[in-house]
Amino acid sequence: LAEAHAAAGHRVTVLVCHPGSRTDRQEVEGVTLIRAGRLATVASM
């Protein structure tokens, strides 16, 4: 969805959690990907 809608000219951001504790931001295939640092994972969350 993100890549298709970005290719169609929309601004698309994906906000998820980083596997580690740091936070980073990058552009991937026209999509702004922000990965927020996580403290831990409990019950798959």
All heavy atoms as atom14 arrays in JSON, in Angstrom:
{
  "sequence": "LAEAHAAAGHRVTVLVCHPGSRTDRQEVEGVTLIRAGRLATVASM",
  "atom14_mask": [
    [1, 1, 1, 1, 1, 1, 1, 1, 0, 0, 0, 0, 0, 0],
    [1, 1, 1, 1, 1, 0, 0, 0, 0, 0, 0, 0, 0, 0],
    [1, 1, 1, 1, 1, 1, 1, 1, 1, 0, 0, 0, 0, 0],
    [1, 1, 1, 1, 1, 0, 0, 0, 0, 0, 0, 0, 0, 0],
    [1, 1, 1, 1, 1, 1, 1, 1, 1, 1, 0, 0, 0, 0],
    [1, 1, 1, 1, 1, 0, 0, 0, 0, 0, 0, 0, 0, 0],
    [1, 1, 1, 1, 1, 0, 0, 0, 0, 0, 0, 0, 0, 0],
    [1, 1, 1, 1, 1, 0, 0, 0, 0, 0, 0, 0, 0, 0],
    [1, 1, 1, 1, 0, 0, 0, 0, 0, 0, 0, 0, 0, 0],
    [1, 1, 1, 1, 1, 1, 1, 1, 1, 1, 0, 0, 0, 0],
    [1, 1, 1, 1, 1, 1, 1, 1, 1, 1, 1, 0, 0, 0],
    [1, 1, 1, 1, 1, 1, 1, 0, 0, 0, 0, 0, 0, 0],
    [1, 1, 1, 1, 1, 1, 1, 0, 0, 0, 0, 0, 0, 0],
    [1, 1, 1, 1, 1, 1, 1, 0, 0, 0, 0, 0, 0, 0],
    [1, 1, 1, 1, 1, 1, 1, 1, 0, 0, 0, 0, 0, 0],
    [1, 1, 1, 1, 1, 1, 1, 0, 0, 0, 0, 0, 0, 0],
    [1, 1, 1, 1, 1, 1, 0, 0, 0, 0, 0, 0, 0, 0],
    [1, 1, 1, 1, 1, 1, 1, 1, 1, 1, 0, 0, 0, 0],
    [1, 1, 1, 1, 1, 1, 1, 0, 0, 0, 0, 0, 0, 0],
    [1, 1, 1, 1, 0, 0, 0, 0, 0, 0, 0, 0, 0, 0],
    [1, 1, 1, 1, 1, 1, 0, 0, 0, 0, 0, 0, 0, 0],
    [1, 1, 1, 1, 1, 1, 1, 1, 1, 1, 1, 0, 0, 0],
    [1, 1, 1, 1, 1, 1, 1, 0, 0, 0, 0, 0, 0, 0],
    [1, 1, 1, 1, 1, 1, 1, 1, 0, 0, 0, 0, 0, 0],
    [1, 1, 1, 1, 1, 1, 1, 1, 1, 1, 1, 0, 0, 0],
    [1, 1, 1, 1, 1, 1, 1, 1, 1, 0, 0, 0, 0, 0],
    [1, 1, 1, 1, 1, 1, 1, 1, 1, 0, 0, 0, 0, 0],
    [1, 1, 1, 1, 1, 1, 1, 0, 0, 0, 0, 0, 0, 0],
    [1, 1, 1, 1, 1, 1, 1, 1, 1, 0, 0, 0, 0, 0],
    [1, 1, 1, 1, 0, 0, 0, 0, 0, 0, 0, 0, 0, 0],
    [1, 1, 1, 1, 1, 1, 1, 0, 0, 0, 0, 0, 0, 0],
    [1, 1, 1, 1, 1, 1, 1, 0, 0, 0, 0, 0, 0, 0],
    [1, 1, 1, 1, 1, 1, 1, 1, 0, 0, 0, 0, 0, 0],
    [1, 1, 1, 1, 1, 1, 1, 1, 0, 0, 0, 0, 0, 0],
    [1, 1, 1, 1, 1, 1, 1, 1, 1, 1, 1, 0, 0, 0],
    [1, 1, 1, 1, 1, 0, 0, 0, 0, 0, 0, 0, 0, 0],
    [1, 1, 1, 1, 0, 0, 0, 0, 0, 0, 0, 0, 0, 0],
    [1, 1, 1, 1, 1, 1, 1, 1, 1, 1, 1, 0, 0, 0],
    [1, 1, 1, 1, 1, 1, 1, 1, 0, 0, 0, 0, 0, 0],
    [1, 1, 1, 1, 1, 0, 0, 0, 0, 0, 0, 0, 0, 0],
    [1, 1, 1, 1, 1, 1, 1, 0, 0, 0, 0, 0, 0, 0],
    [1, 1, 1, 1, 1, 1, 1, 0, 0, 0, 0, 0, 0, 0],
    [1, 1, 1, 1, 1, 0, 0, 0, 0, 0, 0, 0, 0, 0],
    [1, 1, 1, 1, 1, 1, 0, 0, 0, 0, 0, 0, 0, 0],
    [1, 1, 1, 1, 1, 1, 1, 1, 0, 0, 0, 0, 0, 0]
  ],
  "atom14_positions": [
    [[0.82, -1.2, 0.0], [0.0, 0.0, 0.0], [0.86, 1.26, 0.0], [0.62, 2.2, -0.78], [-0.92, 0.02, 1.22], [-2.05, -1.01, 1.28], [-2.8, -0.85, 2.59], [-3.0, -0.86, 0.1], [0.0, 0.0, 0.0], [0.0, 0.0, 0.0], [0.0, 0.0, 0.0], [0.0, 0.0, 0.0], [0.0, 0.0, 0.0], [0.0, 0.0, 0.0]],
    [[1.86, 1.29, 0.88], [2.68, 2.49, 1.03], [3.4, 2.83, -0.26], [3.39, 3.99, -0.73], [3.68, 2.29, 2.17], [0.0, 0.0, 0.0], [0.0, 0.0, 0.0], [0.0, 0.0, 0.0], [0.0, 0.0, 0.0], [0.0, 0.0, 0.0], [0.0, 0.0, 0.0], [0.0, 0.0, 0.0], [0.0, 0.0, 0.0], [0.0, 0.0, 0.0]],
    [[4.03, 1.85, -0.88], [4.79, 2.12, -2.1], [3.88, 2.48, -3.27], [4.2, 3.37, -4.07], [5.67, 0.92, -2.43], [6.79, 0.71, -1.42], [7.71, -0.45, -1.77], [7.48, -1.09, -2.83], [8.66, -0.71, -1.01], [0.0, 0.0, 0.0], [0.0, 0.0, 0.0], [0.0, 0.0, 0.0], [0.0, 0.0, 0.0], [0.0, 0.0, 0.0]],
    [[2.74, 1.82, -3.37], [1.81, 2.12, -4.47], [1.24, 3.52, -4.33], [1.14, 4.27, -5.32], [0.69, 1.09, -4.52], [0.0, 0.0, 0.0], [0.0, 0.0, 0.0], [0.0, 0.0, 0.0], [0.0, 0.0, 0.0], [0.0, 0.0, 0.0], [0.0, 0.0, 0.0], [0.0, 0.0, 0.0], [0.0, 0.0, 0.0], [0.0, 0.0, 0.0]],
    [[0.84, 3.9, -3.13], [0.27, 5.23, -2.94], [1.33, 6.32, -3.06], [1.04, 7.42, -3.55], [-0.45, 5.29, -1.59], [-1.7, 4.46, -1.54], [-2.16, 3.86, -0.39], [-2.58, 4.11, -2.52], [-3.28, 3.2, -0.67], [-3.54, 3.34, -1.95], [0.0, 0.0, 0.0], [0.0, 0.0, 0.0], [0.0, 0.0, 0.0], [0.0, 0.0, 0.0]],
    [[2.57, 6.03, -2.65], [3.65, 6.99, -2.86], [3.92, 7.17, -4.34], [4.13, 8.3, -4.82], [4.91, 6.53, -2.13], [0.0, 0.0, 0.0], [0.0, 0.0, 0.0], [0.0, 0.0, 0.0], [0.0, 0.0, 0.0], [0.0, 0.0, 0.0], [0.0, 0.0, 0.0], [0.0, 0.0, 0.0], [0.0, 0.0, 0.0], [0.0, 0.0, 0.0]],
    [[3.91, 6.07, -5.1], [4.14, 6.15, -6.54], [3.04, 6.93, -7.24], [3.27, 7.53, -8.32], [4.24, 4.74, -7.13], [0.0, 0.0, 0.0], [0.0, 0.0, 0.0], [0.0, 0.0, 0.0], [0.0, 0.0, 0.0], [0.0, 0.0, 0.0], [0.0, 0.0, 0.0], [0.0, 0.0, 0.0], [0.0, 0.0, 0.0], [0.0, 0.0, 0.0]],
    [[1.85, 6.94, -6.65], [0.73, 7.69, -7.23], [0.77, 9.17, -6.87], [-0.13, 9.92, -7.25], [-0.59, 7.07, -6.77], [0.0, 0.0, 0.0], [0.0, 0.0, 0.0], [0.0, 0.0, 0.0], [0.0, 0.0, 0.0], [0.0, 0.0, 0.0], [0.0, 0.0, 0.0], [0.0, 0.0, 0.0], [0.0, 0.0, 0.0], [0.0, 0.0, 0.0]],
    [[1.79, 9.59, -6.11], [1.96, 11.0, -5.81], [1.56, 11.44, -4.42], [1.62, 12.63, -4.11], [0.0, 0.0, 0.0], [0.0, 0.0, 0.0], [0.0, 0.0, 0.0], [0.0, 0.0, 0.0], [0.0, 0.0, 0.0], [0.0, 0.0, 0.0], [0.0, 0.0, 0.0], [0.0, 0.0, 0.0], [0.0, 0.0, 0.0], [0.0, 0.0, 0.0]],
    [[1.16, 10.5, -3.58], [0.77, 10.85, -2.22], [2.0, 10.85, -1.31], [2.99, 10.15, -1.57], [-0.28, 9.87, -1.7], [-1.54, 9.88, -2.49], [-2.5, 10.86, -2.36], [-1.98, 9.03, -3.47], [-3.5, 10.62, -3.2], [-3.21, 9.52, -3.88], [0.0, 0.0, 0.0], [0.0, 0.0, 0.0], [0.0, 0.0, 0.0], [0.0, 0.0, 0.0]],
    [[1.93, 11.61, -0.25], [2.97, 11.58, 0.77], [2.64, 10.47, 1.75], [1.54, 10.45, 2.33], [3.02, 12.93, 1.49], [4.08, 13.01, 2.58], [3.99, 14.34, 3.31], [4.81, 14.36, 4.51], [4.7, 15.27, 5.47], [3.78, 16.24, 5.37], [5.49, 15.21, 6.53], [0.0, 0.0, 0.0], [0.0, 0.0, 0.0], [0.0, 0.0, 0.0]],
    [[3.55, 9.53, 1.94], [3.28, 8.36, 2.76], [4.37, 8.22, 3.82], [5.57, 8.22, 3.5], [3.22, 7.07, 1.91], [2.9, 5.87, 2.81], [2.17, 7.21, 0.81], [0.0, 0.0, 0.0], [0.0, 0.0, 0.0], [0.0, 0.0, 0.0], [0.0, 0.0, 0.0], [0.0, 0.0, 0.0], [0.0, 0.0, 0.0], [0.0, 0.0, 0.0]],
    [[3.94, 8.09, 5.06], [4.84, 7.85, 6.18], [4.45, 6.55, 6.86], [3.26, 6.26, 7.03], [4.76, 8.99, 7.21], [5.07, 10.24, 6.56], [5.73, 8.78, 8.36], [0.0, 0.0, 0.0], [0.0, 0.0, 0.0], [0.0, 0.0, 0.0], [0.0, 0.0, 0.0], [0.0, 0.0, 0.0], [0.0, 0.0, 0.0], [0.0, 0.0, 0.0]],
    [[5.43, 5.76, 7.23], [5.2, 4.53, 7.98], [5.93, 4.67, 9.31], [7.14, 4.9, 9.35], [5.73, 3.29, 7.23], [5.59, 2.04, 8.09], [4.98, 3.11, 5.91], [0.0, 0.0, 0.0], [0.0, 0.0, 0.0], [0.0, 0.0, 0.0], [0.0, 0.0, 0.0], [0.0, 0.0, 0.0], [0.0, 0.0, 0.0], [0.0, 0.0, 0.0]],
    [[5.2, 4.58, 10.41], [5.75, 4.7, 11.75], [5.66, 3.34, 12.45], [4.56, 2.86, 12.74], [5.0, 5.76, 12.55], [5.41, 5.96, 14.02], [6.89, 6.32, 14.15], [4.53, 7.03, 14.67], [0.0, 0.0, 0.0], [0.0, 0.0, 0.0], [0.0, 0.0, 0.0], [0.0, 0.0, 0.0], [0.0, 0.0, 0.0], [0.0, 0.0, 0.0]],
    [[6.81, 2.74, 12.69], [6.87, 1.43, 13.32], [7.91, 1.47, 14.44], [8.42, 2.54, 14.78], [7.22, 0.33, 12.29], [6.1, 0.18, 11.26], [8.56, 0.6, 11.61], [0.0, 0.0, 0.0], [0.0, 0.0, 0.0], [0.0, 0.0, 0.0], [0.0, 0.0, 0.0], [0.0, 0.0, 0.0], [0.0, 0.0, 0.0], [0.0, 0.0, 0.0]],
    [[8.25, 0.32, 14.98], [9.26, 0.24, 16.05], [10.55, -0.37, 15.51], [10.52, -1.31, 14.71], [8.74, -0.59, 17.22], [7.42, 0.22, 18.14], [0.0, 0.0, 0.0], [0.0, 0.0, 0.0], [0.0, 0.0, 0.0], [0.0, 0.0, 0.0], [0.0, 0.0, 0.0], [0.0, 0.0, 0.0], [0.0, 0.0, 0.0], [0.0, 0.0, 0.0]],
    [[11.65, 0.19, 15.98], [12.97, -0.33, 15.62], [13.21, -1.64, 16.38], [12.74, -1.79, 17.51], [14.04, 0.7, 16.0], [15.37, 0.45, 15.38], [16.24, -0.49, 15.86], [15.98, 1.03, 14.3], [17.33, -0.5, 15.12], [17.21, 0.41, 14.16], [0.0, 0.0, 0.0], [0.0, 0.0, 0.0], [0.0, 0.0, 0.0], [0.0, 0.0, 0.0]],
    [[13.93, -2.59, 15.78], [14.26, -3.81, 16.54], [15.08, -3.53, 17.8], [15.02, -4.3, 18.76], [15.07, -4.64, 15.54], [14.68, -4.12, 14.2], [14.39, -2.67, 14.39], [0.0, 0.0, 0.0], [0.0, 0.0, 0.0], [0.0, 0.0, 0.0], [0.0, 0.0, 0.0], [0.0, 0.0, 0.0], [0.0, 0.0, 0.0], [0.0, 0.0, 0.0]],
    [[15.84, -2.41, 17.78], [16.64, -2.05, 18.95], [16.14, -0.8, 19.62], [15.0, -0.36, 19.41], [0.0, 0.0, 0.0], [0.0, 0.0, 0.0], [0.0, 0.0, 0.0], [0.0, 0.0, 0.0], [0.0, 0.0, 0.0], [0.0, 0.0, 0.0], [0.0, 0.0, 0.0], [0.0, 0.0, 0.0], [0.0, 0.0, 0.0], [0.0, 0.0, 0.0]],
    [[17.01, -0.17, 20.39], [16.59, 0.96, 21.21], [16.7, 2.31, 20.51], [16.19, 3.3, 21.02], [17.42, 0.99, 22.49], [18.8, 1.13, 22.17], [0.0, 0.0, 0.0], [0.0, 0.0, 0.0], [0.0, 0.0, 0.0], [0.0, 0.0, 0.0], [0.0, 0.0, 0.0], [0.0, 0.0, 0.0], [0.0, 0.0, 0.0], [0.0, 0.0, 0.0]],
    [[17.36, 2.34, 19.37], [17.55, 3.64, 18.71], [16.35, 3.98, 17.82], [15.56, 3.11, 17.46], [18.83, 3.65, 17.89], [18.8, 2.84, 16.61], [20.12, 2.93, 15.86], [20.07, 2.33, 14.55], [20.31, 1.06, 14.29], [20.58, 0.23, 15.29], [20.27, 0.6, 13.05], [0.0, 0.0, 0.0], [0.0, 0.0, 0.0], [0.0, 0.0, 0.0]],
    [[16.25, 5.25, 17.45], [15.22, 5.72, 16.52], [15.91, 6.18, 15.25], [16.93, 6.88, 15.3], [14.42, 6.87, 17.14], [13.7, 6.39, 18.28], [13.43, 7.46, 16.14], [0.0, 0.0, 0.0], [0.0, 0.0, 0.0], [0.0, 0.0, 0.0], [0.0, 0.0, 0.0], [0.0, 0.0, 0.0], [0.0, 0.0, 0.0], [0.0, 0.0, 0.0]],
    [[15.38, 5.79, 14.09], [15.96, 6.27, 12.84], [14.87, 6.61, 11.84], [13.7, 6.26, 12.0], [16.98, 5.28, 12.27], [16.37, 3.94, 11.88], [15.15, 3.86, 11.63], [17.12, 2.95, 11.82], [0.0, 0.0, 0.0], [0.0, 0.0, 0.0], [0.0, 0.0, 0.0], [0.0, 0.0, 0.0], [0.0, 0.0, 0.0], [0.0, 0.0, 0.0]],
    [[15.29, 7.29, 10.8], [14.38, 7.76, 9.74], [15.09, 7.6, 8.41], [16.26, 7.95, 8.28], [14.01, 9.22, 9.99], [13.09, 9.85, 8.96], [12.94, 11.32, 9.24], [12.05, 11.99, 8.29], [10.92, 12.57, 8.61], [10.53, 12.62, 9.87], [10.16, 13.15, 7.7], [0.0, 0.0, 0.0], [0.0, 0.0, 0.0], [0.0, 0.0, 0.0]],
    [[14.38, 7.07, 7.41], [14.97, 6.9, 6.09], [13.89, 6.96, 5.02], [12.69, 6.82, 5.32], [15.73, 5.57, 6.01], [14.9, 4.35, 6.37], [15.72, 3.08, 6.46], [16.32, 2.64, 5.49], [15.77, 2.49, 7.65], [0.0, 0.0, 0.0], [0.0, 0.0, 0.0], [0.0, 0.0, 0.0], [0.0, 0.0, 0.0], [0.0, 0.0, 0.0]],
    [[14.33, 7.19, 3.79], [13.41, 7.17, 2.65], [13.6, 5.86, 1.91], [14.72, 5.52, 1.51], [13.69, 8.35, 1.71], [13.51, 9.71, 2.36], [12.07, 9.99, 2.74], [11.16, 9.65, 1.94], [11.85, 10.54, 3.83], [0.0, 0.0, 0.0], [0.0, 0.0, 0.0], [0.0, 0.0, 0.0], [0.0, 0.0, 0.0], [0.0, 0.0, 0.0]],
    [[12.53, 5.11, 1.71], [12.59, 3.81, 1.05], [11.5, 3.75, -0.01], [10.31, 3.77, 0.32], [12.41, 2.65, 2.07], [12.54, 1.31, 1.37], [13.39, 2.77, 3.21], [0.0, 0.0, 0.0], [0.0, 0.0, 0.0], [0.0, 0.0, 0.0], [0.0, 0.0, 0.0], [0.0, 0.0, 0.0], [0.0, 0.0, 0.0], [0.0, 0.0, 0.0]],
    [[11.91, 3.7, -1.27], [10.95, 3.59, -2.38], [9.89, 4.68, -2.32], [8.7, 4.42, -2.54], [10.3, 2.21, -2.4], [11.26, 1.05, -2.57], [11.92, 1.03, -3.95], [11.32, 1.57, -4.9], [13.02, 0.47, -4.06], [0.0, 0.0, 0.0], [0.0, 0.0, 0.0], [0.0, 0.0, 0.0], [0.0, 0.0, 0.0], [0.0, 0.0, 0.0]],
    [[10.3, 5.89, -1.98], [9.37, 7.01, -1.93], [8.57, 7.12, -0.64], [7.75, 8.03, -0.5], [0.0, 0.0, 0.0], [0.0, 0.0, 0.0], [0.0, 0.0, 0.0], [0.0, 0.0, 0.0], [0.0, 0.0, 0.0], [0.0, 0.0, 0.0], [0.0, 0.0, 0.0], [0.0, 0.0, 0.0], [0.0, 0.0, 0.0], [0.0, 0.0, 0.0]],
    [[8.82, 6.21, 0.29], [8.09, 6.17, 1.56], [9.01, 6.64, 2.68], [10.17, 6.23, 2.75], [7.6, 4.74, 1.87], [6.94, 4.67, 3.24], [6.65, 4.26, 0.77], [0.0, 0.0, 0.0], [0.0, 0.0, 0.0], [0.0, 0.0, 0.0], [0.0, 0.0, 0.0], [0.0, 0.0, 0.0], [0.0, 0.0, 0.0], [0.0, 0.0, 0.0]],
    [[8.5, 7.53, 3.55], [9.26, 7.93, 4.73], [9.04, 6.89, 5.82], [7.92, 6.71, 6.31], [8.81, 9.31, 5.23], [9.02, 10.29, 4.2], [9.6, 9.72, 6.47], [0.0, 0.0, 0.0], [0.0, 0.0, 0.0], [0.0, 0.0, 0.0], [0.0, 0.0, 0.0], [0.0, 0.0, 0.0], [0.0, 0.0, 0.0], [0.0, 0.0, 0.0]],
    [[10.11, 6.19, 6.18], [10.04, 5.14, 7.18], [10.69, 5.64, 8.47], [11.87, 5.97, 8.5], [10.77, 3.89, 6.69], [10.92, 2.74, 7.7], [9.56, 2.23, 8.17], [11.74, 1.61, 7.1], [0.0, 0.0, 0.0], [0.0, 0.0, 0.0], [0.0, 0.0, 0.0], [0.0, 0.0, 0.0], [0.0, 0.0, 0.0], [0.0, 0.0, 0.0]],
    [[9.89, 5.71, 9.54], [10.38, 6.11, 10.86], [10.26, 4.9, 11.78], [9.17, 4.35, 11.95], [9.57, 7.28, 11.43], [9.57, 8.47, 10.45], [10.14, 7.71, 12.78], [8.64, 9.59, 10.86], [0.0, 0.0, 0.0], [0.0, 0.0, 0.0], [0.0, 0.0, 0.0], [0.0, 0.0, 0.0], [0.0, 0.0, 0.0], [0.0, 0.0, 0.0]],
    [[11.39, 4.52, 12.37], [11.39, 3.38, 13.29], [11.76, 3.88, 14.68], [12.88, 4.32, 14.93], [12.38, 2.31, 12.82], [12.04, 1.75, 11.45], [12.91, 0.56, 11.08], [14.34, 0.9, 11.11], [15.32, 0.0, 11.02], [15.02, -1.28, 10.94], [16.58, 0.39, 11.02], [0.0, 0.0, 0.0], [0.0, 0.0, 0.0], [0.0, 0.0, 0.0]],
    [[10.78, 3.83, 15.57], [10.96, 4.33, 16.94], [11.65, 3.28, 17.8], [11.33, 2.09, 17.71], [9.61, 4.69, 17.55], [0.0, 0.0, 0.0], [0.0, 0.0, 0.0], [0.0, 0.0, 0.0], [0.0, 0.0, 0.0], [0.0, 0.0, 0.0], [0.0, 0.0, 0.0], [0.0, 0.0, 0.0], [0.0, 0.0, 0.0], [0.0, 0.0, 0.0]],
    [[12.56, 3.73, 18.64], [13.25, 2.81, 19.53], [12.29, 2.09, 20.47], [11.32, 2.68, 20.95], [0.0, 0.0, 0.0], [0.0, 0.0, 0.0], [0.0, 0.0, 0.0], [0.0, 0.0, 0.0], [0.0, 0.0, 0.0], [0.0, 0.0, 0.0], [0.0, 0.0, 0.0], [0.0, 0.0, 0.0], [0.0, 0.0, 0.0], [0.0, 0.0, 0.0]],
    [[12.56, 0.82, 20.71], [11.71, 0.05, 21.61], [12.46, -0.29, 22.9], [13.69, -0.48, 22.88], [11.17, -1.21, 20.93], [12.11, -2.36, 20.78], [11.38, -3.6, 20.24], [11.06, -3.49, 18.83], [10.28, -4.35, 18.17], [9.72, -5.37, 18.82], [10.03, -4.2, 16.89], [0.0, 0.0, 0.0], [0.0, 0.0, 0.0], [0.0, 0.0, 0.0]],
    [[11.72, -0.39, 23.97], [12.3, -0.74, 25.26], [12.39, -2.25, 25.43], [13.36, -2.77, 25.99], [11.45, -0.15, 26.39], [11.28, 1.37, 26.4], [10.28, 1.78, 27.48], [12.61, 2.05, 26.61], [0.0, 0.0, 0.0], [0.0, 0.0, 0.0], [0.0, 0.0, 0.0], [0.0, 0.0, 0.0], [0.0, 0.0, 0.0], [0.0, 0.0, 0.0]],
    [[11.36, -2.95, 24.97], [11.29, -4.4, 25.13], [10.17, -4.92, 24.23], [9.45, -4.14, 23.59], [11.03, -4.77, 26.58], [0.0, 0.0, 0.0], [0.0, 0.0, 0.0], [0.0, 0.0, 0.0], [0.0, 0.0, 0.0], [0.0, 0.0, 0.0], [0.0, 0.0, 0.0], [0.0, 0.0, 0.0], [0.0, 0.0, 0.0], [0.0, 0.0, 0.0]],
    [[10.02, -6.22, 24.19], [8.92, -6.87, 23.48], [8.24, -7.83, 24.44], [8.9, -8.7, 25.01], [9.41, -7.61, 22.23], [10.09, -6.69, 21.37], [8.25, -8.23, 21.49], [0.0, 0.0, 0.0], [0.0, 0.0, 0.0], [0.0, 0.0, 0.0], [0.0, 0.0, 0.0], [0.0, 0.0, 0.0], [0.0, 0.0, 0.0], [0.0, 0.0, 0.0]],
    [[6.93, -7.66, 24.62], [6.16, -8.5, 25.54], [4.96, -9.07, 24.8], [4.18, -8.32, 24.21], [5.69, -7.69, 26.77], [4.84, -8.57, 27.68], [6.88, -7.12, 27.52], [0.0, 0.0, 0.0], [0.0, 0.0, 0.0], [0.0, 0.0, 0.0], [0.0, 0.0, 0.0], [0.0, 0.0, 0.0], [0.0, 0.0, 0.0], [0.0, 0.0, 0.0]],
    [[4.82, -10.4, 24.82], [3.7, -11.07, 24.14], [3.59, -10.63, 22.68], [2.5, -10.31, 22.19], [2.38, -10.82, 24.88], [0.0, 0.0, 0.0], [0.0, 0.0, 0.0], [0.0, 0.0, 0.0], [0.0, 0.0, 0.0], [0.0, 0.0, 0.0], [0.0, 0.0, 0.0], [0.0, 0.0, 0.0], [0.0, 0.0, 0.0], [0.0, 0.0, 0.0]],
    [[4.74, -10.57, 22.01], [4.86, -10.22, 20.59], [4.61, -8.74, 20.31], [4.59, -8.33, 19.15], [3.9, -11.05, 19.72], [4.19, -12.42, 19.85], [0.0, 0.0, 0.0], [0.0, 0.0, 0.0], [0.0, 0.0, 0.0], [0.0, 0.0, 0.0], [0.0, 0.0, 0.0], [0.0, 0.0, 0.0], [0.0, 0.0, 0.0], [0.0, 0.0, 0.0]],
    [[4.4, -7.92, 21.35], [4.15, -6.5, 21.14], [5.32, -5.67, 21.62], [5.78, -5.83, 22.75], [2.88, -6.04, 21.86], [2.51, -4.6, 21.51], [1.08, -3.97, 22.43], [1.82, -3.65, 24.03], [0.0, 0.0, 0.0], [0.0, 0.0, 0.0], [0.0, 0.0, 0.0], [0.0, 0.0, 0.0], [0.0, 0.0, 0.0], [0.0, 0.0, 0.0]]
  ]
}
